Amino acid sequence: MAGGHGPARGHGGHPIHVHPVRPLYRFAAVGLGASMWFFLFYRARYDLPVLLGWRHPWDH
């Protein structure tokens, strides 16, 4: 109904072929993802008790 007849030729039975990623882009993506999680947990350390109502923002 929605597609060709049988598996696609030359693609291992799948019509989409994804090329491998260059190591520089992979390293940059891992670094950006790690820095994002570091920043989120760093801010959660200070902001989470305020968001949950355990302390007020003006308490030191």
PDB file of N, CA and C in Angstrom:
ATOM      1  N   MET A   1       0.812  -1.183   0.000  1.00  0.00           N
ATOM      2  CA  MET A   1       0.000   0.000   0.000  1.00  0.00           C
ATOM      3  C   MET A   1       0.868   1.264   0.000  1.00  0.00           C
ATOM      4  N   ALA A   2       1.692   1.406   1.036  1.00  0.00           N
ATOM      5  CA  ALA A   2       2.467   2.636   1.157  1.00  0.00           C
ATOM      6  C   ALA A   2       3.946   2.312   1.037  1.00  0.00           C
ATOM      7  N   GLY A   3       4.408   2.035  -0.147  1.00  0.00           N
ATOM      8  CA  GLY A   3       5.822   1.749  -0.318  1.00  0.00           C
ATOM      9  C   GLY A   3       6.065   0.832  -1.489  1.00  0.00           C
ATOM     10  N   GLY A   4       7.323   0.488  -1.646  1.00  0.00           N
ATOM     11  CA  GLY A   4       7.704  -0.376  -2.749  1.00  0.00           C
ATOM     12  C   GLY A   4       7.381  -1.827  -2.457  1.00  0.00           C
ATOM     13  N   HIS A   5       7.751  -2.665  -3.377  1.00  0.00           N
ATOM     14  CA  HIS A   5       7.507  -4.089  -3.235  1.00  0.00           C
ATOM     15  C   HIS A   5       8.807  -4.757  -2.828  1.00  0.00           C
ATOM     16  N   GLY A   6       8.847  -5.284  -1.614  1.00  0.00           N
ATOM     17  CA  GLY A   6      10.032  -5.978  -1.141  1.00  0.00           C
ATOM     18  C   GLY A   6      11.058  -5.017  -0.557  1.00  0.00           C
ATOM     19  N   PRO A   7      12.169  -5.577  -0.066  1.00  0.00           N
ATOM     20  CA  PRO A   7      13.197  -4.729   0.549  1.00  0.00           C
ATOM     21  C   PRO A   7      13.935  -3.880  -0.485  1.00  0.00           C
ATOM     22  N   ALA A   8      14.450  -2.759  -0.026  1.00  0.00           N
ATOM     23  CA  ALA A   8      15.213  -1.877  -0.919  1.00  0.00           C
ATOM     24  C   ALA A   8      16.540  -2.534  -1.271  1.00  0.00           C
ATOM     25  N   ARG A   9      17.010  -2.297  -2.467  1.00  0.00           N
ATOM     26  CA  ARG A   9      18.250  -2.915  -2.925  1.00  0.00           C
ATOM     27  C   ARG A   9      19.457  -2.075  -2.498  1.00  0.00           C
ATOM     28  N   GLY A  10      20.476  -2.741  -1.980  1.00  0.00           N
ATOM     29  CA  GLY A  10      21.732  -2.073  -1.679  1.00  0.00           C
ATOM     30  C   GLY A  10      21.771  -1.321  -0.358  1.00  0.00           C
ATOM     31  N   HIS A  11      20.734  -1.409   0.438  1.00  0.00           N
ATOM     32  CA  HIS A  11      20.729  -0.682   1.706  1.00  0.00           C
ATOM     33  C   HIS A  11      20.506  -1.616   2.883  1.00  0.00           C
ATOM     34  N   GLY A  12      20.759  -2.864   2.739  1.00  0.00           N
ATOM     35  CA  GLY A  12      20.573  -3.789   3.839  1.00  0.00           C
ATOM     36  C   GLY A  12      19.124  -4.008   4.215  1.00  0.00           C
ATOM     37  N   GLY A  13      18.212  -3.819   3.285  1.00  0.00           N
ATOM     38  CA  GLY A  13      16.812  -4.045   3.565  1.00  0.00           C
ATOM     39  C   GLY A  13      16.095  -2.854   4.166  1.00  0.00           C
ATOM     40  N   HIS A  14      16.735  -1.705   4.232  1.00  0.00           N
ATOM     41  CA  HIS A  14      16.091  -0.506   4.776  1.00  0.00           C
ATOM     42  C   HIS A  14      16.326   0.652   3.817  1.00  0.00           C
ATOM     43  N   PRO A  15      15.305   1.450   3.543  1.00  0.00           N
ATOM     44  CA  PRO A  15      15.458   2.515   2.540  1.00  0.00           C
ATOM     45  C   PRO A  15      16.274   3.718   3.003  1.00  0.00           C
ATOM     46  N   ILE A  16      16.516   3.862   4.310  1.00  0.00           N
ATOM     47  CA  ILE A  16      17.257   5.019   4.815  1.00  0.00           C
ATOM     48  C   ILE A  16      18.661   4.590   5.204  1.00  0.00           C
ATOM     49  N   HIS A  17      19.667   5.317   4.715  1.00  0.00           N
ATOM     50  CA  HIS A  17      21.060   5.036   5.045  1.00  0.00           C
ATOM     51  C   HIS A  17      21.632   6.243   5.778  1.00  0.00           C
ATOM     52  N   VAL A  18      22.083   6.046   7.018  1.00  0.00           N
ATOM     53  CA  VAL A  18      22.661   7.117   7.823  1.00  0.00           C
ATOM     54  C   VAL A  18      24.177   6.987   7.767  1.00  0.00           C
ATOM     55  N   HIS A  19      24.842   8.049   7.354  1.00  0.00           N
ATOM     56  CA  HIS A  19      26.294   8.043   7.268  1.00  0.00           C
ATOM     57  C   HIS A  19      26.908   8.197   8.650  1.00  0.00           C
ATOM     58  N   PRO A  20      28.110   7.660   8.872  1.00  0.00           N
ATOM     59  CA  PRO A  20      28.757   7.818  10.172  1.00  0.00           C
ATOM     60  C   PRO A  20      29.126   9.282  10.436  1.00  0.00           C
ATOM     61  N   VAL A  21      29.142   9.635  11.712  1.00  0.00           N
ATOM     62  CA  VAL A  21      29.411  11.008  12.123  1.00  0.00           C
ATOM     63  C   VAL A  21      30.912  11.203  12.295  1.00  0.00           C
ATOM     64  N   ARG A  22      31.394  12.387  11.894  1.00  0.00           N
ATOM     65  CA  ARG A  22      32.811  12.689  12.081  1.00  0.00           C
ATOM     66  C   ARG A  22      33.134  12.779  13.570  1.00  0.00           C
ATOM     67  N   PRO A  23      34.332  12.345  13.985  1.00  0.00           N
ATOM     68  CA  PRO A  23      34.683  12.345  15.414  1.00  0.00           C
ATOM     69  C   PRO A  23      34.624  13.730  16.055  1.00  0.00           C
ATOM     70  N   LEU A  24      34.936  14.790  15.320  1.00  0.00           N
ATOM     71  CA  LEU A  24      34.887  16.137  15.891  1.00  0.00           C
ATOM     72  C   LEU A  24      33.463  16.499  16.303  1.00  0.00           C
ATOM     73  N   TYR A  25      32.491  16.205  15.447  1.00  0.00           N
ATOM     74  CA  TYR A  25      31.100  16.519  15.765  1.00  0.00           C
ATOM     75  C   TYR A  25      30.599  15.673  16.936  1.00  0.00           C
ATOM     76  N   ARG A  26      31.024  14.438  16.966  1.00  0.00           N
ATOM     77  CA  ARG A  26      30.618  13.563  18.067  1.00  0.00           C
ATOM     78  C   ARG A  26      31.205  14.046  19.387  1.00  0.00           C
ATOM     79  N   PHE A  27      32.477  14.433  19.380  1.00  0.00           N
ATOM     80  CA  PHE A  27      33.128  14.950  20.586  1.00  0.00           C
ATOM     81  C   PHE A  27      32.465  16.246  21.043  1.00  0.00           C
ATOM     82  N   ALA A  28      32.140  17.131  20.088  1.00  0.00           N
ATOM     83  CA  ALA A  28      31.477  18.393  20.434  1.00  0.00           C
ATOM     84  C   ALA A  28      30.086  18.136  21.014  1.00  0.00           C
ATOM     85  N   ALA A  29      29.355  17.188  20.461  1.00  0.00           N
ATOM     86  CA  ALA A  29      28.017  16.883  20.966  1.00  0.00           C
ATOM     87  C   ALA A  29      28.076  16.313  22.378  1.00  0.00           C
ATOM     88  N   VAL A  30      29.036  15.450  22.639  1.00  0.00           N
ATOM     89  CA  VAL A  30      29.179  14.887  23.983  1.00  0.00           C
ATOM     90  C   VAL A  30      29.576  15.979  24.970  1.00  0.00           C
ATOM     91  N   GLY A  31      30.478  16.874  24.561  1.00  0.00           N
ATOM     92  CA  GLY A  31      30.894  17.972  25.438  1.00  0.00           C
ATOM     93  C   GLY A  31      29.761  18.928  25.748  1.00  0.00           C
ATOM     94  N   LEU A  32      28.981  19.286  24.739  1.00  0.00           N
ATOM     95  CA  LEU A  32      27.848  20.185  24.972  1.00  0.00           C
ATOM     96  C   LEU A  32      26.780  19.525  25.841  1.00  0.00           C
ATOM     97  N   GLY A  33      26.529  18.254  25.603  1.00  0.00           N
ATOM     98  CA  GLY A  33      25.556  17.547  26.429  1.00  0.00           C
ATOM     99  C   GLY A  33      26.008  17.433  27.878  1.00  0.00           C
ATOM    100  N   ALA A  34      27.294  17.157  28.085  1.00  0.00           N
ATOM    101  CA  ALA A  34      27.816  17.064  29.450  1.00  0.00           C
ATOM    102  C   ALA A  34      27.759  18.410  30.157  1.00  0.00           C
ATOM    103  N   SER A  35      28.100  19.489  29.451  1.00  0.00           N
ATOM    104  CA  SER A  35      28.039  20.813  30.078  1.00  0.00           C
ATOM    105  C   SER A  35      26.598  21.204  30.396  1.00  0.00           C
ATOM    106  N   MET A  36      25.650  20.796  29.549  1.00  0.00           N
ATOM    107  CA  MET A  36      24.245  21.078  29.830  1.00  0.00           C
ATOM    108  C   MET A  36      23.811  20.390  31.121  1.00  0.00           C
ATOM    109  N   TRP A  37      24.142  19.106  31.285  1.00  0.00           N
ATOM    110  CA  TRP A  37      23.741  18.391  32.494  1.00  0.00           C
ATOM    111  C   TRP A  37      24.453  18.942  33.720  1.00  0.00           C
ATOM    112  N   PHE A  38      25.723  19.327  33.574  1.00  0.00           N
ATOM    113  CA  PHE A  38      26.440  19.928  34.699  1.00  0.00           C
ATOM    114  C   PHE A  38      25.743  21.200  35.147  1.00  0.00           C
ATOM    115  N   PHE A  39      25.369  22.060  34.197  1.00  0.00           N
ATOM    116  CA  PHE A  39      24.703  23.316  34.537  1.00  0.00           C
ATOM    117  C   PHE A  39      23.340  23.058  35.171  1.00  0.00           C
ATOM    118  N   LEU A  40      22.581  22.084  34.650  1.00  0.00           N
ATOM    119  CA  LEU A  40      21.269  21.775  35.227  1.00  0.00           C
ATOM    120  C   LEU A  40      21.374  21.296  36.671  1.00  0.00           C
ATOM    121  N   PHE A  41      22.308  20.391  36.933  1.00  0.00           N
ATOM    122  CA  PHE A  41      22.455  19.901  38.302  1.00  0.00           C
ATOM    123  C   PHE A  41      23.047  20.960  39.221  1.00  0.00           C
ATOM    124  N   TYR A  42      23.903  21.816  38.692  1.00  0.00           N
ATOM    125  CA  TYR A  42      24.459  22.919  39.479  1.00  0.00           C
ATOM    126  C   TYR A  42      23.355  23.873  39.908  1.00  0.00           C
ATOM    127  N   ARG A  43      22.466  24.234  38.978  1.00  0.00           N
ATOM    128  CA  ARG A  43      21.361  25.135  39.320  1.00  0.00           C
ATOM    129  C   ARG A  43      20.335  24.435  40.207  1.00  0.00           C
ATOM    130  N   ALA A  44      20.103  23.145  39.993  1.00  0.00           N
ATOM    131  CA  ALA A  44      19.144  22.415  40.822  1.00  0.00           C
ATOM    132  C   ALA A  44      19.619  22.346  42.267  1.00  0.00           C
ATOM    133  N   ARG A  45      20.919  22.348  42.460  1.00  0.00           N
ATOM    134  CA  ARG A  45      21.461  22.318  43.813  1.00  0.00           C
ATOM    135  C   ARG A  45      20.998  23.526  44.618  1.00  0.00           C
ATOM    136  N   TYR A  46      20.884  24.667  43.977  1.00  0.00           N
ATOM    137  CA  TYR A  46      20.472  25.885  44.662  1.00  0.00           C
ATOM    138  C   TYR A  46      18.975  26.170  44.526  1.00  0.00           C
ATOM    139  N   ASP A  47      18.380  25.833  43.411  1.00  0.00           N
ATOM    140  CA  ASP A  47      16.998  26.233  43.150  1.00  0.00           C
ATOM    141  C   ASP A  47      15.962  25.186  43.532  1.00  0.00           C
ATOM    142  N   LEU A  48      16.336  23.926  43.608  1.00  0.00           N
ATOM    143  CA  LEU A  48      15.348  22.880  43.867  1.00  0.00           C
ATOM    144  C   LEU A  48      14.676  23.018  45.231  1.00  0.00           C
ATOM    145  N   PRO A  49      15.398  23.296  46.324  1.00  0.00           N
ATOM    146  CA  PRO A  49      14.698  23.479  47.600  1.00  0.00           C
ATOM    147  C   PRO A  49      13.702  24.634  47.574  1.00  0.00           C
ATOM    148  N   VAL A  50      14.005  25.682  46.830  1.00  0.00           N
ATOM    149  CA  VAL A  50      13.078  26.809  46.713  1.00  0.00           C
ATOM    150  C   VAL A  50      11.847  26.388  45.917  1.00  0.00           C
ATOM    151  N   LEU A  51      12.046  25.651  44.825  1.00  0.00           N
ATOM    152  CA  LEU A  51      10.918  25.215  44.010  1.00  0.00           C
ATOM    153  C   LEU A  51      10.009  24.243  44.754  1.00  0.00           C
ATOM    154  N   LEU A  52      10.595  23.418  45.611  1.00  0.00           N
ATOM    155  CA  LEU A  52       9.802  22.453  46.365  1.00  0.00           C
ATOM    156  C   LEU A  52       9.196  23.059  47.625  1.00  0.00           C
ATOM    157  N   GLY A  53       9.540  24.306  47.941  1.00  0.00           N
ATOM    158  CA  GLY A  53       8.979  24.977  49.103  1.00  0.00           C
ATOM    159  C   GLY A  53       9.659  24.632  50.406  1.00  0.00           C
ATOM    160  N   TRP A  54      10.864  24.053  50.356  1.00  0.00           N
ATOM    161  CA  TRP A  54      11.580  23.693  51.573  1.00  0.00           C
ATOM    162  C   TRP A  54      12.227  24.904  52.227  1.00  0.00           C
ATOM    163  N   ARG A  55      12.522  25.941  51.447  1.00  0.00           N
ATOM    164  CA  ARG A  55      13.071  27.185  51.996  1.00  0.00           C
ATOM    165  C   ARG A  55      12.662  28.334  51.096  1.00  0.00           C
ATOM    166  N   HIS A  56      12.778  29.525  51.638  1.00  0.00           N
ATOM    167  CA  HIS A  56      12.415  30.713  50.885  1.00  0.00           C
ATOM    168  C   HIS A  56      13.640  31.258  50.159  1.00  0.00           C
ATOM    169  N   PRO A  57      13.459  31.945  49.022  1.00  0.00           N
ATOM    170  CA  PRO A  57      14.611  32.445  48.272  1.00  0.00           C
ATOM    171  C   PRO A  57      15.409  33.496  49.030  1.00  0.00           C
ATOM    172  N   TRP A  58      14.788  34.194  49.973  1.00  0.00           N
ATOM    173  CA  TRP A  58      15.515  35.240  50.684  1.00  0.00           C
ATOM    174  C   TRP A  58      16.238  34.703  51.918  1.00  0.00           C
ATOM    175  N   ASP A  59      16.072  33.411  52.246  1.00  0.00           N
ATOM    176  CA  ASP A  59      16.824  32.812  53.354  1.00  0.00           C
ATOM    177  C   ASP A  59      18.251  32.548  52.906  1.00  0.00           C
ATOM    178  N   HIS A  60      19.193  32.808  53.816  1.00  0.00           N
ATOM    179  CA  HIS A  60      20.606  32.572  53.478  1.00  0.00           C
ATOM    180  C   HIS A  60      21.169  31.506  54.366  1.00  0.00           C
TER     181      HIS A  60
END
